[in-house]
PDB file of N, CA and C in Angstrom:
ATOM      1  N   MET A   1     -26.719 -16.842  39.004  1.00  0.00           N
ATOM      2  CA  MET A   1     -25.322 -16.449  39.099  1.00  0.00           C
ATOM      3  C   MET A   1     -25.238 -15.147  39.910  1.00  0.00           C
ATOM      4  N   THR A   2     -24.336 -15.096  40.859  1.00  0.00           N
ATOM      5  CA  THR A   2     -24.205 -13.909  41.694  1.00  0.00           C
ATOM      6  C   THR A   2     -23.415 -12.830  40.965  1.00  0.00           C
ATOM      7  N   ILE A   3     -23.487 -11.628  41.483  1.00  0.00           N
ATOM      8  CA  ILE A   3     -22.743 -10.505  40.902  1.00  0.00           C
ATOM      9  C   ILE A   3     -21.246 -10.791  40.961  1.00  0.00           C
ATOM     10  N   GLN A   4     -20.781 -11.316  42.103  1.00  0.00           N
ATOM     11  CA  GLN A   4     -19.362 -11.653  42.268  1.00  0.00           C
ATOM     12  C   GLN A   4     -18.901 -12.633  41.194  1.00  0.00           C
ATOM     13  N   THR A   5     -19.691 -13.679  40.981  1.00  0.00           N
ATOM     14  CA  THR A   5     -19.333 -14.709  40.012  1.00  0.00           C
ATOM     15  C   THR A   5     -19.321 -14.132  38.605  1.00  0.00           C
ATOM     16  N   ASP A   6     -20.304 -13.301  38.277  1.00  0.00           N
ATOM     17  CA  ASP A   6     -20.382 -12.694  36.951  1.00  0.00           C
ATOM     18  C   ASP A   6     -19.189 -11.766  36.698  1.00  0.00           C
ATOM     19  N   ILE A   7     -18.815 -10.996  37.700  1.00  0.00           N
ATOM     20  CA  ILE A   7     -17.660 -10.096  37.578  1.00  0.00           C
ATOM     21  C   ILE A   7     -16.391 -10.902  37.343  1.00  0.00           C
ATOM     22  N   LYS A   8     -16.189 -11.932  38.137  1.00  0.00           N
ATOM     23  CA  LYS A   8     -14.982 -12.754  38.001  1.00  0.00           C
ATOM     24  C   LYS A   8     -14.943 -13.448  36.642  1.00  0.00           C
ATOM     25  N   GLN A   9     -16.076 -13.932  36.191  1.00  0.00           N
ATOM     26  CA  GLN A   9     -16.135 -14.593  34.884  1.00  0.00           C
ATOM     27  C   GLN A   9     -15.795 -13.595  33.773  1.00  0.00           C
ATOM     28  N   SER A  10     -16.345 -12.393  33.862  1.00  0.00           N
ATOM     29  CA  SER A  10     -16.049 -11.365  32.861  1.00  0.00           C
ATOM     30  C   SER A  10     -14.576 -10.962  32.887  1.00  0.00           C
ATOM     31  N   LEU A  11     -14.009 -10.868  34.077  1.00  0.00           N
ATOM     32  CA  LEU A  11     -12.591 -10.526  34.186  1.00  0.00           C
ATOM     33  C   LEU A  11     -11.702 -11.635  33.620  1.00  0.00           C
ATOM     34  N   ARG A  12     -12.062 -12.866  33.855  1.00  0.00           N
ATOM     35  CA  ARG A  12     -11.291 -13.985  33.280  1.00  0.00           C
ATOM     36  C   ARG A  12     -11.389 -13.974  31.752  1.00  0.00           C
ATOM     37  N   GLN A  13     -12.585 -13.683  31.259  1.00  0.00           N
ATOM     38  CA  GLN A  13     -12.763 -13.577  29.804  1.00  0.00           C
ATOM     39  C   GLN A  13     -11.925 -12.429  29.249  1.00  0.00           C
ATOM     40  N   MET A  14     -11.874 -11.322  29.979  1.00  0.00           N
ATOM     41  CA  MET A  14     -11.078 -10.168  29.554  1.00  0.00           C
ATOM     42  C   MET A  14      -9.602 -10.554  29.466  1.00  0.00           C
ATOM     43  N   LEU A  15      -9.110 -11.276  30.454  1.00  0.00           N
ATOM     44  CA  LEU A  15      -7.716 -11.721  30.422  1.00  0.00           C
ATOM     45  C   LEU A  15      -7.454 -12.636  29.222  1.00  0.00           C
ATOM     46  N   ALA A  16      -8.387 -13.518  28.928  1.00  0.00           N
ATOM     47  CA  ALA A  16      -8.233 -14.416  27.780  1.00  0.00           C
ATOM     48  C   ALA A  16      -8.221 -13.623  26.470  1.00  0.00           C
ATOM     49  N   VAL A  17      -9.089 -12.635  26.367  1.00  0.00           N
ATOM     50  CA  VAL A  17      -9.131 -11.805  25.162  1.00  0.00           C
ATOM     51  C   VAL A  17      -7.838 -11.004  25.030  1.00  0.00           C
ATOM     52  N   MET A  18      -7.316 -10.498  26.130  1.00  0.00           N
ATOM     53  CA  MET A  18      -6.074  -9.737  26.083  1.00  0.00           C
ATOM     54  C   MET A  18      -4.893 -10.613  25.668  1.00  0.00           C
ATOM     55  N   GLU A  19      -4.918 -11.858  26.079  1.00  0.00           N
ATOM     56  CA  GLU A  19      -3.868 -12.791  25.649  1.00  0.00           C
ATOM     57  C   GLU A  19      -3.994 -13.055  24.141  1.00  0.00           C
ATOM     58  N   GLN A  20      -5.220 -13.213  23.658  1.00  0.00           N
ATOM     59  CA  GLN A  20      -5.449 -13.381  22.219  1.00  0.00           C
ATOM     60  C   GLN A  20      -4.984 -12.135  21.465  1.00  0.00           C
ATOM     61  N   GLU A  21      -5.241 -10.970  22.046  1.00  0.00           N
ATOM     62  CA  GLU A  21      -4.829  -9.710  21.431  1.00  0.00           C
ATOM     63  C   GLU A  21      -3.304  -9.632  21.340  1.00  0.00           C
ATOM     64  N   ARG A  22      -2.620 -10.053  22.385  1.00  0.00           N
ATOM     65  CA  ARG A  22      -1.155 -10.039  22.377  1.00  0.00           C
ATOM     66  C   ARG A  22      -0.618 -10.920  21.259  1.00  0.00           C
ATOM     67  N   GLN A  23      -1.214 -12.096  21.125  1.00  0.00           N
ATOM     68  CA  GLN A  23      -0.791 -13.001  20.059  1.00  0.00           C
ATOM     69  C   GLN A  23      -1.112 -12.430  18.672  1.00  0.00           C
ATOM     70  N   ALA A  24      -2.265 -11.786  18.548  1.00  0.00           N
ATOM     71  CA  ALA A  24      -2.646 -11.181  17.274  1.00  0.00           C
ATOM     72  C   ALA A  24      -1.709 -10.028  16.920  1.00  0.00           C
ATOM     73  N   LEU A  25      -1.318  -9.245  17.920  1.00  0.00           N
ATOM     74  CA  LEU A  25      -0.369  -8.156  17.684  1.00  0.00           C
ATOM     75  C   LEU A  25       0.981  -8.708  17.240  1.00  0.00           C
ATOM     76  N   ALA A  26       1.426  -9.762  17.883  1.00  0.00           N
ATOM     77  CA  ALA A  26       2.714 -10.359  17.528  1.00  0.00           C
ATOM     78  C   ALA A  26       2.693 -10.916  16.108  1.00  0.00           C
ATOM     79  N   ALA A  27       1.533 -11.458  15.701  1.00  0.00           N
ATOM     80  CA  ALA A  27       1.396 -12.022  14.362  1.00  0.00           C
ATOM     81  C   ALA A  27       0.969 -10.974  13.333  1.00  0.00           C
ATOM     82  N   MET A  28       0.684  -9.760  13.817  1.00  0.00           N
ATOM     83  CA  MET A  28       0.167  -8.678  12.976  1.00  0.00           C
ATOM     84  C   MET A  28      -1.088  -9.131  12.214  1.00  0.00           C
ATOM     85  N   ASP A  29      -1.974  -9.829  12.925  1.00  0.00           N
ATOM     86  CA  ASP A  29      -3.224 -10.354  12.386  1.00  0.00           C
ATOM     87  C   ASP A  29      -4.323  -9.326  12.620  1.00  0.00           C
ATOM     88  N   LEU A  30      -4.561  -8.484  11.633  1.00  0.00           N
ATOM     89  CA  LEU A  30      -5.482  -7.366  11.780  1.00  0.00           C
ATOM     90  C   LEU A  30      -6.894  -7.815  12.126  1.00  0.00           C
ATOM     91  N   GLN A  31      -7.375  -8.864  11.479  1.00  0.00           N
ATOM     92  CA  GLN A  31      -8.735  -9.344  11.747  1.00  0.00           C
ATOM     93  C   GLN A  31      -8.886  -9.740  13.213  1.00  0.00           C
ATOM     94  N   SER A  32      -7.918 -10.460  13.736  1.00  0.00           N
ATOM     95  CA  SER A  32      -7.977 -10.871  15.147  1.00  0.00           C
ATOM     96  C   SER A  32      -7.865  -9.673  16.083  1.00  0.00           C
ATOM     97  N   ILE A  33      -7.042  -8.699  15.716  1.00  0.00           N
ATOM     98  CA  ILE A  33      -6.907  -7.494  16.539  1.00  0.00           C
ATOM     99  C   ILE A  33      -8.242  -6.766  16.630  1.00  0.00           C
ATOM    100  N   VAL A  34      -8.926  -6.643  15.502  1.00  0.00           N
ATOM    101  CA  VAL A  34     -10.230  -5.969  15.474  1.00  0.00           C
ATOM    102  C   VAL A  34     -11.249  -6.750  16.298  1.00  0.00           C
ATOM    103  N   GLU A  35     -11.246  -8.076  16.161  1.00  0.00           N
ATOM    104  CA  GLU A  35     -12.167  -8.903  16.940  1.00  0.00           C
ATOM    105  C   GLU A  35     -11.897  -8.779  18.433  1.00  0.00           C
ATOM    106  N   CYS A  36     -10.639  -8.749  18.805  1.00  0.00           N
ATOM    107  CA  CYS A  36     -10.278  -8.591  20.221  1.00  0.00           C
ATOM    108  C   CYS A  36     -10.742  -7.233  20.749  1.00  0.00           C
ATOM    109  N   ALA A  37     -10.572  -6.196  19.946  1.00  0.00           N
ATOM    110  CA  ALA A  37     -11.008  -4.859  20.372  1.00  0.00           C
ATOM    111  C   ALA A  37     -12.512  -4.846  20.624  1.00  0.00           C
ATOM    112  N   ALA A  38     -13.268  -5.496  19.748  1.00  0.00           N
ATOM    113  CA  ALA A  38     -14.728  -5.555  19.935  1.00  0.00           C
ATOM    114  C   ALA A  38     -15.082  -6.343  21.192  1.00  0.00           C
ATOM    115  N   SER A  39     -14.394  -7.446  21.417  1.00  0.00           N
ATOM    116  CA  SER A  39     -14.654  -8.256  22.614  1.00  0.00           C
ATOM    117  C   SER A  39     -14.295  -7.491  23.882  1.00  0.00           C
ATOM    118  N   LYS A  40     -13.159  -6.794  23.863  1.00  0.00           N
ATOM    119  CA  LYS A  40     -12.756  -6.001  25.030  1.00  0.00           C
ATOM    120  C   LYS A  40     -13.784  -4.925  25.328  1.00  0.00           C
ATOM    121  N   SER A  41     -14.298  -4.301  24.290  1.00  0.00           N
ATOM    122  CA  SER A  41     -15.299  -3.250  24.479  1.00  0.00           C
ATOM    123  C   SER A  41     -16.576  -3.820  25.099  1.00  0.00           C
ATOM    124  N   ALA A  42     -17.032  -4.960  24.590  1.00  0.00           N
ATOM    125  CA  ALA A  42     -18.246  -5.587  25.125  1.00  0.00           C
ATOM    126  C   ALA A  42     -18.053  -6.008  26.583  1.00  0.00           C
ATOM    127  N   LEU A  43     -16.899  -6.584  26.875  1.00  0.00           N
ATOM    128  CA  LEU A  43     -16.621  -6.980  28.259  1.00  0.00           C
ATOM    129  C   LEU A  43     -16.493  -5.760  29.162  1.00  0.00           C
ATOM    130  N   GLY A  44     -15.895  -4.704  28.663  1.00  0.00           N
ATOM    131  CA  GLY A  44     -15.791  -3.470  29.434  1.00  0.00           C
ATOM    132  C   GLY A  44     -17.157  -2.907  29.771  1.00  0.00           C
ATOM    133  N   ASP A  45     -18.084  -2.968  28.805  1.00  0.00           N
ATOM    134  CA  ASP A  45     -19.451  -2.507  29.064  1.00  0.00           C
ATOM    135  C   ASP A  45     -20.107  -3.345  30.152  1.00  0.00           C
ATOM    136  N   ARG A  46     -19.860  -4.657  30.106  1.00  0.00           N
ATOM    137  CA  ARG A  46     -20.439  -5.545  31.113  1.00  0.00           C
ATOM    138  C   ARG A  46     -19.845  -5.258  32.495  1.00  0.00           C
ATOM    139  N   LEU A  47     -18.549  -4.984  32.550  1.00  0.00           N
ATOM    140  CA  LEU A  47     -17.884  -4.728  33.827  1.00  0.00           C
ATOM    141  C   LEU A  47     -18.191  -3.342  34.389  1.00  0.00           C
ATOM    142  N   GLN A  48     -18.572  -2.431  33.514  1.00  0.00           N
ATOM    143  CA  GLN A  48     -18.841  -1.064  33.954  1.00  0.00           C
ATOM    144  C   GLN A  48     -19.968  -1.013  34.982  1.00  0.00           C
ATOM    145  N   ALA A  49     -20.865  -1.959  34.918  1.00  0.00           N
ATOM    146  CA  ALA A  49     -22.002  -1.971  35.835  1.00  0.00           C
ATOM    147  C   ALA A  49     -21.612  -2.402  37.249  1.00  0.00           C
ATOM    148  N   ALA A  50     -20.440  -2.975  37.410  1.00  0.00           N
ATOM    149  CA  ALA A  50     -20.010  -3.442  38.732  1.00  0.00           C
ATOM    150  C   ALA A  50     -19.654  -2.261  39.624  1.00  0.00           C
ATOM    151  N   ALA A  51     -19.997  -2.387  40.866  1.00  0.00           N
ATOM    152  CA  ALA A  51     -19.658  -1.360  41.854  1.00  0.00           C
ATOM    153  C   ALA A  51     -18.448  -1.827  42.656  1.00  0.00           C
ATOM    154  N   ASN A  52     -17.725  -0.876  43.207  1.00  0.00           N
ATOM    155  CA  ASN A  52     -16.560  -1.214  44.023  1.00  0.00           C
ATOM    156  C   ASN A  52     -16.926  -2.109  45.204  1.00  0.00           C
ATOM    157  N   ASP A  53     -18.144  -1.984  45.681  1.00  0.00           N
ATOM    158  CA  ASP A  53     -18.592  -2.803  46.808  1.00  0.00           C
ATOM    159  C   ASP A  53     -18.670  -4.283  46.430  1.00  0.00           C
ATOM    160  N   ASP A  54     -18.771  -4.572  45.121  1.00  0.00           N
ATOM    161  CA  ASP A  54     -18.916  -5.948  44.646  1.00  0.00           C
ATOM    162  C   ASP A  54     -17.574  -6.646  44.463  1.00  0.00           C
ATOM    163  N   LEU A  55     -16.481  -5.953  44.734  1.00  0.00           N
ATOM    164  CA  LEU A  55     -15.157  -6.499  44.437  1.00  0.00           C
ATOM    165  C   LEU A  55     -14.514  -7.107  45.673  1.00  0.00           C
ATOM    166  N   ASP A  56     -14.133  -8.359  45.544  1.00  0.00           N
ATOM    167  CA  ASP A  56     -13.386  -9.014  46.615  1.00  0.00           C
ATOM    168  C   ASP A  56     -11.910  -9.049  46.217  1.00  0.00           C
ATOM    169  N   GLU A  57     -11.091  -9.689  47.038  1.00  0.00           N
ATOM    170  CA  GLU A  57      -9.650  -9.726  46.803  1.00  0.00           C
ATOM    171  C   GLU A  57      -9.301 -10.392  45.474  1.00  0.00           C
ATOM    172  N   GLU A  58      -9.994 -11.465  45.136  1.00  0.00           N
ATOM    173  CA  GLU A  58      -9.725 -12.157  43.865  1.00  0.00           C
ATOM    174  C   GLU A  58     -10.071 -11.268  42.674  1.00  0.00           C
ATOM    175  N   SER A  59     -11.192 -10.568  42.762  1.00  0.00           N
ATOM    176  CA  SER A  59     -11.589  -9.662  41.679  1.00  0.00           C
ATOM    177  C   SER A  59     -10.561  -8.547  41.507  1.00  0.00           C
ATOM    178  N   LEU A  60     -10.088  -7.989  42.619  1.00  0.00           N
ATOM    179  CA  LEU A  60      -9.081  -6.933  42.550  1.00  0.00           C
ATOM    180  C   LEU A  60      -7.785  -7.455  41.930  1.00  0.00           C
ATOM    181  N   SER A  61      -7.444  -8.691  42.240  1.00  0.00           N
ATOM    182  CA  SER A  61      -6.251  -9.306  41.660  1.00  0.00           C
ATOM    183  C   SER A  61      -6.424  -9.509  40.147  1.00  0.00           C
ATOM    184  N   LEU A  62      -7.599  -9.936  39.722  1.00  0.00           N
ATOM    185  CA  LEU A  62      -7.884 -10.100  38.289  1.00  0.00           C
ATOM    186  C   LEU A  62      -7.836  -8.753  37.564  1.00  0.00           C
ATOM    187  N   ILE A  63      -8.342  -7.723  38.200  1.00  0.00           N
ATOM    188  CA  ILE A  63      -8.302  -6.376  37.610  1.00  0.00           C
ATOM    189  C   ILE A  63      -6.860  -5.920  37.442  1.00  0.00           C
ATOM    190  N   ASP A  64      -6.044  -6.160  38.455  1.00  0.00           N
ATOM    191  CA  ASP A  64      -4.635  -5.780  38.377  1.00  0.00           C
ATOM    192  C   ASP A  64      -3.932  -6.529  37.239  1.00  0.00           C
ATOM    193  N   ALA A  65      -4.212  -7.814  37.106  1.00  0.00           N
ATOM    194  CA  ALA A  65      -3.612  -8.607  36.024  1.00  0.00           C
ATOM    195  C   ALA A  65      -4.073  -8.073  34.664  1.00  0.00           C
ATOM    196  N   ALA A  66      -5.333  -7.703  34.546  1.00  0.00           N
ATOM    197  CA  ALA A  66      -5.860  -7.162  33.288  1.00  0.00           C
ATOM    198  C   ALA A  66      -5.197  -5.820  32.959  1.00  0.00           C
ATOM    199  N   ARG A  67      -5.003  -4.992  33.956  1.00  0.00           N
ATOM    200  CA  ARG A  67      -4.318  -3.707  33.732  1.00  0.00           C
ATOM    201  C   ARG A  67      -2.893  -3.916  33.214  1.00  0.00           C
ATOM    202  N   ARG A  68      -2.194  -4.839  33.855  1.00  0.00           N
ATOM    203  CA  ARG A  68      -0.805  -5.102  33.442  1.00  0.00           C
ATOM    204  C   ARG A  68      -0.741  -5.656  32.023  1.00  0.00           C
ATOM    205  N   LEU A  69      -1.618  -6.599  31.710  1.00  0.00           N
ATOM    206  CA  LEU A  69      -1.624  -7.178  30.365  1.00  0.00           C
ATOM    207  C   LEU A  69      -2.039  -6.141  29.331  1.00  0.00           C
ATOM    208  N   ASN A  70      -2.971  -5.293  29.665  1.00  0.00           N
ATOM    209  CA  ASN A  70      -3.382  -4.222  28.747  1.00  0.00           C
ATOM    210  C   ASN A  70      -2.214  -3.273  28.481  1.00  0.00           C
ATOM    211  N   GLU A  71      -1.425  -2.988  29.502  1.00  0.00           N
ATOM    212  CA  GLU A  71      -0.251  -2.120  29.337  1.00  0.00           C
ATOM    213  C   GLU A  71       0.792  -2.783  28.443  1.00  0.00           C
ATOM    214  N   VAL A  72       1.008  -4.079  28.623  1.00  0.00           N
ATOM    215  CA  VAL A  72       1.947  -4.810  27.762  1.00  0.00           C
ATOM    216  C   VAL A  72       1.464  -4.741  26.316  1.00  0.00           C
ATOM    217  N   ASN A  73       0.179  -4.976  26.105  1.00  0.00           N
ATOM    218  CA  ASN A  73      -0.372  -4.923  24.747  1.00  0.00           C
ATOM    219  C   ASN A  73      -0.238  -3.527  24.149  1.00  0.00           C
ATOM    220  N   ARG A  74      -0.425  -2.508  24.966  1.00  0.00           N
ATOM    221  CA  ARG A  74      -0.273  -1.131  24.480  1.00  0.00           C
ATOM    222  C   ARG A  74       1.162  -0.901  24.020  1.00  0.00           C
ATOM    223  N   GLN A  75       2.113  -1.389  24.798  1.00  0.00           N
ATOM    224  CA  GLN A  75       3.516  -1.213  24.427  1.00  0.00           C
ATOM    225  C   GLN A  75       3.863  -1.976  23.153  1.00  0.00           C
ATOM    226  N   VAL A  76       3.331  -3.189  23.013  1.00  0.00           N
ATOM    227  CA  VAL A  76       3.563  -3.963  21.790  1.00  0.00           C
ATOM    228  C   VAL A  76       2.965  -3.244  20.595  1.00  0.00           C
ATOM    229  N   ARG A  77       1.738  -2.739  20.748  1.00  0.00           N
ATOM    230  CA  ARG A  77       1.077  -2.000  19.671  1.00  0.00           C
ATOM    231  C   ARG A  77       1.905  -0.788  19.263  1.00  0.00           C
ATOM    232  N   ASN A  78       2.441  -0.067  20.239  1.00  0.00           N
ATOM    233  CA  ASN A  78       3.260   1.107  19.936  1.00  0.00           C
ATOM    234  C   ASN A  78       4.551   0.725  19.224  1.00  0.00           C
ATOM    235  N   LEU A  79       5.148  -0.398  19.612  1.00  0.00           N
ATOM    236  CA  LEU A  79       6.356  -0.866  18.926  1.00  0.00           C
ATOM    237  C   LEU A  79       6.054  -1.242  17.476  1.00  0.00           C
ATOM    238  N   VAL A  80       4.926  -1.907  17.258  1.00  0.00           N
ATOM    239  CA  VAL A  80       4.527  -2.267  15.895  1.00  0.00           C
ATOM    240  C   VAL A  80       4.308  -1.002  15.076  1.00  0.00           C
ATOM    241  N   ALA A  81       3.618  -0.029  15.641  1.00  0.00           N
ATOM    242  CA  ALA A  81       3.360   1.227  14.926  1.00  0.00           C
ATOM    243  C   ALA A  81       4.666   1.946  14.600  1.00  0.00           C
ATOM    244  N   ALA A  82       5.604   1.968  15.525  1.00  0.00           N
ATOM    245  CA  ALA A  82       6.894   2.621  15.277  1.00  0.00           C
ATOM    246  C   ALA A  82       7.668   1.884  14.187  1.00  0.00           C
ATOM    247  N   ASN A  83       7.582   0.556  14.192  1.00  0.00           N
ATOM    248  CA  ASN A  83       8.261  -0.240  13.175  1.00  0.00           C
ATOM    249  C   ASN A  83       7.671   0.041  11.794  1.00  0.00           C
ATOM    250  N   VAL A  84       6.351   0.082  11.696  1.00  0.00           N
ATOM    251  CA  VAL A  84       5.697   0.375  10.420  1.00  0.00           C
ATOM    252  C   VAL A  84       6.072   1.772   9.952  1.00  0.00           C
ATOM    253  N   SER A  85       6.069   2.722  10.863  1.00  0.00           N
ATOM    254  CA  SER A  85       6.434   4.095  10.515  1.00  0.00           C
ATOM    255  C   SER A  85       7.866   4.160   9.993  1.00  0.00           C
ATOM    256  N   ALA A  86       8.780   3.454  10.650  1.00  0.00           N
ATOM    257  CA  ALA A  86      10.176   3.444  10.213  1.00  0.00           C
ATOM    258  C   ALA A  86      10.313   2.819   8.831  1.00  0.00           C
ATOM    259  N   ARG A  87       9.556   1.771   8.578  1.00  0.00           N
ATOM    260  CA  ARG A  87       9.596   1.140   7.252  1.00  0.00           C
ATOM    261  C   ARG A  87       9.038   2.066   6.174  1.00  0.00           C
ATOM    262  N   LEU A  88       7.954   2.763   6.489  1.00  0.00           N
ATOM    263  CA  LEU A  88       7.396   3.722   5.529  1.00  0.00           C
ATOM    264  C   LEU A  88       8.392   4.837   5.246  1.00  0.00           C
ATOM    265  N   ASP A  89       9.053   5.319   6.295  1.00  0.00           N
ATOM    266  CA  ASP A  89      10.075   6.356   6.117  1.00  0.00           C
ATOM    267  C   ASP A  89      11.192   5.854   5.213  1.00  0.00           C
ATOM    268  N   ALA A  90      11.612   4.612   5.425  1.00  0.00           N
ATOM    269  CA  ALA A  90      12.683   4.049   4.607  1.00  0.00           C
ATOM    270  C   ALA A  90      12.255   3.903   3.153  1.00  0.00           C
ATOM    271  N   LEU A  91      11.010   3.516   2.935  1.00  0.00           N
ATOM    272  CA  LEU A  91      10.511   3.353   1.571  1.00  0.00           C
ATOM    273  C   LEU A  91      10.385   4.687   0.835  1.00  0.00           C
ATOM    274  N   THR A  92       9.932   5.687   1.540  1.00  0.00           N
ATOM    275  CA  THR A  92       9.705   6.980   0.898  1.00  0.00           C
ATOM    276  C   THR A  92      10.937   7.857   0.913  1.00  0.00           C
ATOM    277  N   GLY A  93      11.904   7.521   1.735  1.00  0.00           N
ATOM    278  CA  GLY A  93      13.098   8.346   1.852  1.00  0.00           C
ATOM    279  C   GLY A  93      12.846   9.639   2.602  1.00  0.00           C
ATOM    280  N   ALA A  94      11.706   9.728   3.261  1.00  0.00           N
ATOM    281  CA  ALA A  94      11.357  10.933   4.013  1.00  0.00           C
ATOM    282  C   ALA A  94      10.781  10.528   5.362  1.00  0.00           C
ATOM    283  N   ALA A  95      11.048  11.332   6.341  1.00  0.00           N
ATOM    284  CA  ALA A  95      10.504  11.081   7.671  1.00  0.00           C
ATOM    285  C   ALA A  95       9.110  11.680   7.794  1.00  0.00           C
ATOM    286  N   SER A  96       8.352  11.181   8.726  1.00  0.00           N
ATOM    287  CA  SER A  96       7.054  11.722   9.094  1.00  0.00           C
ATOM    288  C   SER A  96       6.071  11.757   7.930  1.00  0.00           C
ATOM    289  N   VAL A  97       5.800  10.603   7.374  1.00  0.00           N
ATOM    290  CA  VAL A  97       4.846  10.489   6.273  1.00  0.00           C
ATOM    291  C   VAL A  97       3.461  10.954   6.707  1.00  0.00           C
ATOM    292  N   TYR A  98       3.130  10.781   7.982  1.00  0.00           N
ATOM    293  CA  TYR A  98       1.793  11.088   8.447  1.00  0.00           C
ATOM    294  C   TYR A  98       1.598  12.531   8.888  1.00  0.00           C
ATOM    295  N   ARG A  99       2.585  13.370   8.758  1.00  0.00           N
ATOM    296  CA  ARG A  99       2.420  14.768   9.158  1.00  0.00           C
ATOM    297  C   ARG A  99       1.433  15.462   8.249  1.00  0.00           C
ATOM    298  N   ALA A 100       0.614  16.305   8.834  1.00  0.00           N
ATOM    299  CA  ALA A 100      -0.315  17.110   8.046  1.00  0.00           C
ATOM    300  C   ALA A 100       0.471  18.162   7.275  1.00  0.00           C
ATOM    301  N   GLN A 101      -0.041  18.537   6.124  1.00  0.00           N
ATOM    302  CA  GLN A 101       0.649  19.553   5.341  1.00  0.00           C
ATOM    303  C   GLN A 101       0.707  20.847   6.132  1.00  0.00           C
ATOM    304  N   GLY A 102       1.814  21.528   5.988  1.00  0.00           N
ATOM    305  CA  GLY A 102       1.970  22.812   6.665  1.00  0.00           C
ATOM    306  C   GLY A 102       2.520  22.692   8.070  1.00  0.00           C
ATOM    307  N   THR A 103       2.789  21.477   8.539  1.00  0.00           N
ATOM    308  CA  THR A 103       3.309  21.317   9.900  1.00  0.00           C
ATOM    309  C   THR A 103       4.721  20.755   9.888  1.00  0.00           C
ATOM    310  N   ARG A 104       5.440  20.997   8.834  1.00  0.00           N
ATOM    311  CA  ARG A 104       6.790  20.457   8.725  1.00  0.00           C
ATOM    312  C   ARG A 104       7.813  21.288   9.472  1.00  0.00           C
ATOM    313  N   GLY A 105       7.395  22.267  10.172  1.00  0.00           N
ATOM    314  CA  GLY A 105       8.330  23.087  10.930  1.00  0.00           C
ATOM    315  C   GLY A 105       8.075  24.552  10.632  1.00  0.00           C
ATOM    316  N   SER A 106       8.933  25.385  11.158  1.00  0.00           N
ATOM    317  CA  SER A 106       8.738  26.817  10.999  1.00  0.00           C
ATOM    318  C   SER A 106       9.646  27.385   9.922  1.00  0.00           C
ATOM    319  N   HIS A 107      10.088  26.559   8.983  1.00  0.00           N
ATOM    320  CA  HIS A 107      10.965  27.018   7.924  1.00  0.00           C
ATOM    321  C   HIS A 107      10.183  27.821   6.898  1.00  0.00           C
ATOM    322  N   ARG A 108      10.825  28.868   6.384  1.00  0.00           N
ATOM    323  CA  ARG A 108      10.201  29.646   5.334  1.00  0.00           C
ATOM    324  C   ARG A 108      10.381  28.922   4.017  1.00  0.00           C
ATOM    325  N   PRO A 109       9.418  29.061   3.084  1.00  0.00           N
ATOM    326  CA  PRO A 109       9.592  28.444   1.783  1.00  0.00           C
ATOM    327  C   PRO A 109      10.788  29.048   1.052  1.00  0.00           C
ATOM    328  N   VAL A 110      11.483  28.235   0.306  1.00  0.00           N
ATOM    329  CA  VAL A 110      12.644  28.696  -0.455  1.00  0.00           C
ATOM    330  C   VAL A 110      12.159  29.215  -1.799  1.00  0.00           C
ATOM    331  N   ALA A 111      12.545  30.414  -2.141  1.00  0.00           N
ATOM    332  CA  ALA A 111      12.134  30.996  -3.423  1.00  0.00           C
ATOM    333  C   ALA A 111      12.922  30.354  -4.548  1.00  0.00           C
ATOM    334  N   ALA A 112      12.277  30.232  -5.704  1.00  0.00           N
ATOM    335  CA  ALA A 112      12.929  29.634  -6.850  1.00  0.00           C
ATOM    336  C   ALA A 112      14.119  30.490  -7.294  1.00  0.00           C
ATOM    337  N   ASN A 113      13.958  31.789  -7.181  1.00  0.00           N
ATOM    338  CA  ASN A 113      15.036  32.707  -7.551  1.00  0.00           C
ATOM    339  C   ASN A 113      15.389  33.497  -6.304  1.00  0.00           C
ATOM    340  N   PRO A 114      16.518  33.226  -5.657  1.00  0.00           N
ATOM    341  CA  PRO A 114      16.855  33.865  -4.403  1.00  0.00           C
ATOM    342  C   PRO A 114      17.015  35.376  -4.528  1.00  0.00           C
ATOM    343  N   ARG A 115      17.273  35.907  -5.714  1.00  0.00           N
ATOM    344  CA  ARG A 115      17.417  37.355  -5.893  1.00  0.00           C
ATOM    345  C   ARG A 115      16.062  38.041  -6.043  1.00  0.00           C
ATOM    346  N   ALA A 116      15.037  37.302  -6.246  1.00  0.00           N
ATOM    347  CA  ALA A 116      13.711  37.920  -6.502  1.00  0.00           C
ATOM    348  C   ALA A 116      13.076  38.433  -5.254  1.00  0.00           C
TER     349      ALA A 116
END
């Protein structure tokens, strides 16, 4: 198998994994999301060895498609995270459940006895 063929095969696999990831995100299937992340990482390691000299027009087109799909998945992931955050806020009746203690703003603590 030539370097060109291996690169194209890996890029096609990456696109397939990204499509699976999109579906897993839409279904909120955590196990599939984790599996997709592992597959993307392994494919990324395989593609890292490719040099720019090994890329033809088809490979560049596959890379562009992978970038676009990865961006779509990132946006979907962010929407899911915002939705979960909003639901947690609604359940707790407070915003920013994930804030670290002491970072709620620059407000001074209110004394129990204002005259003290």
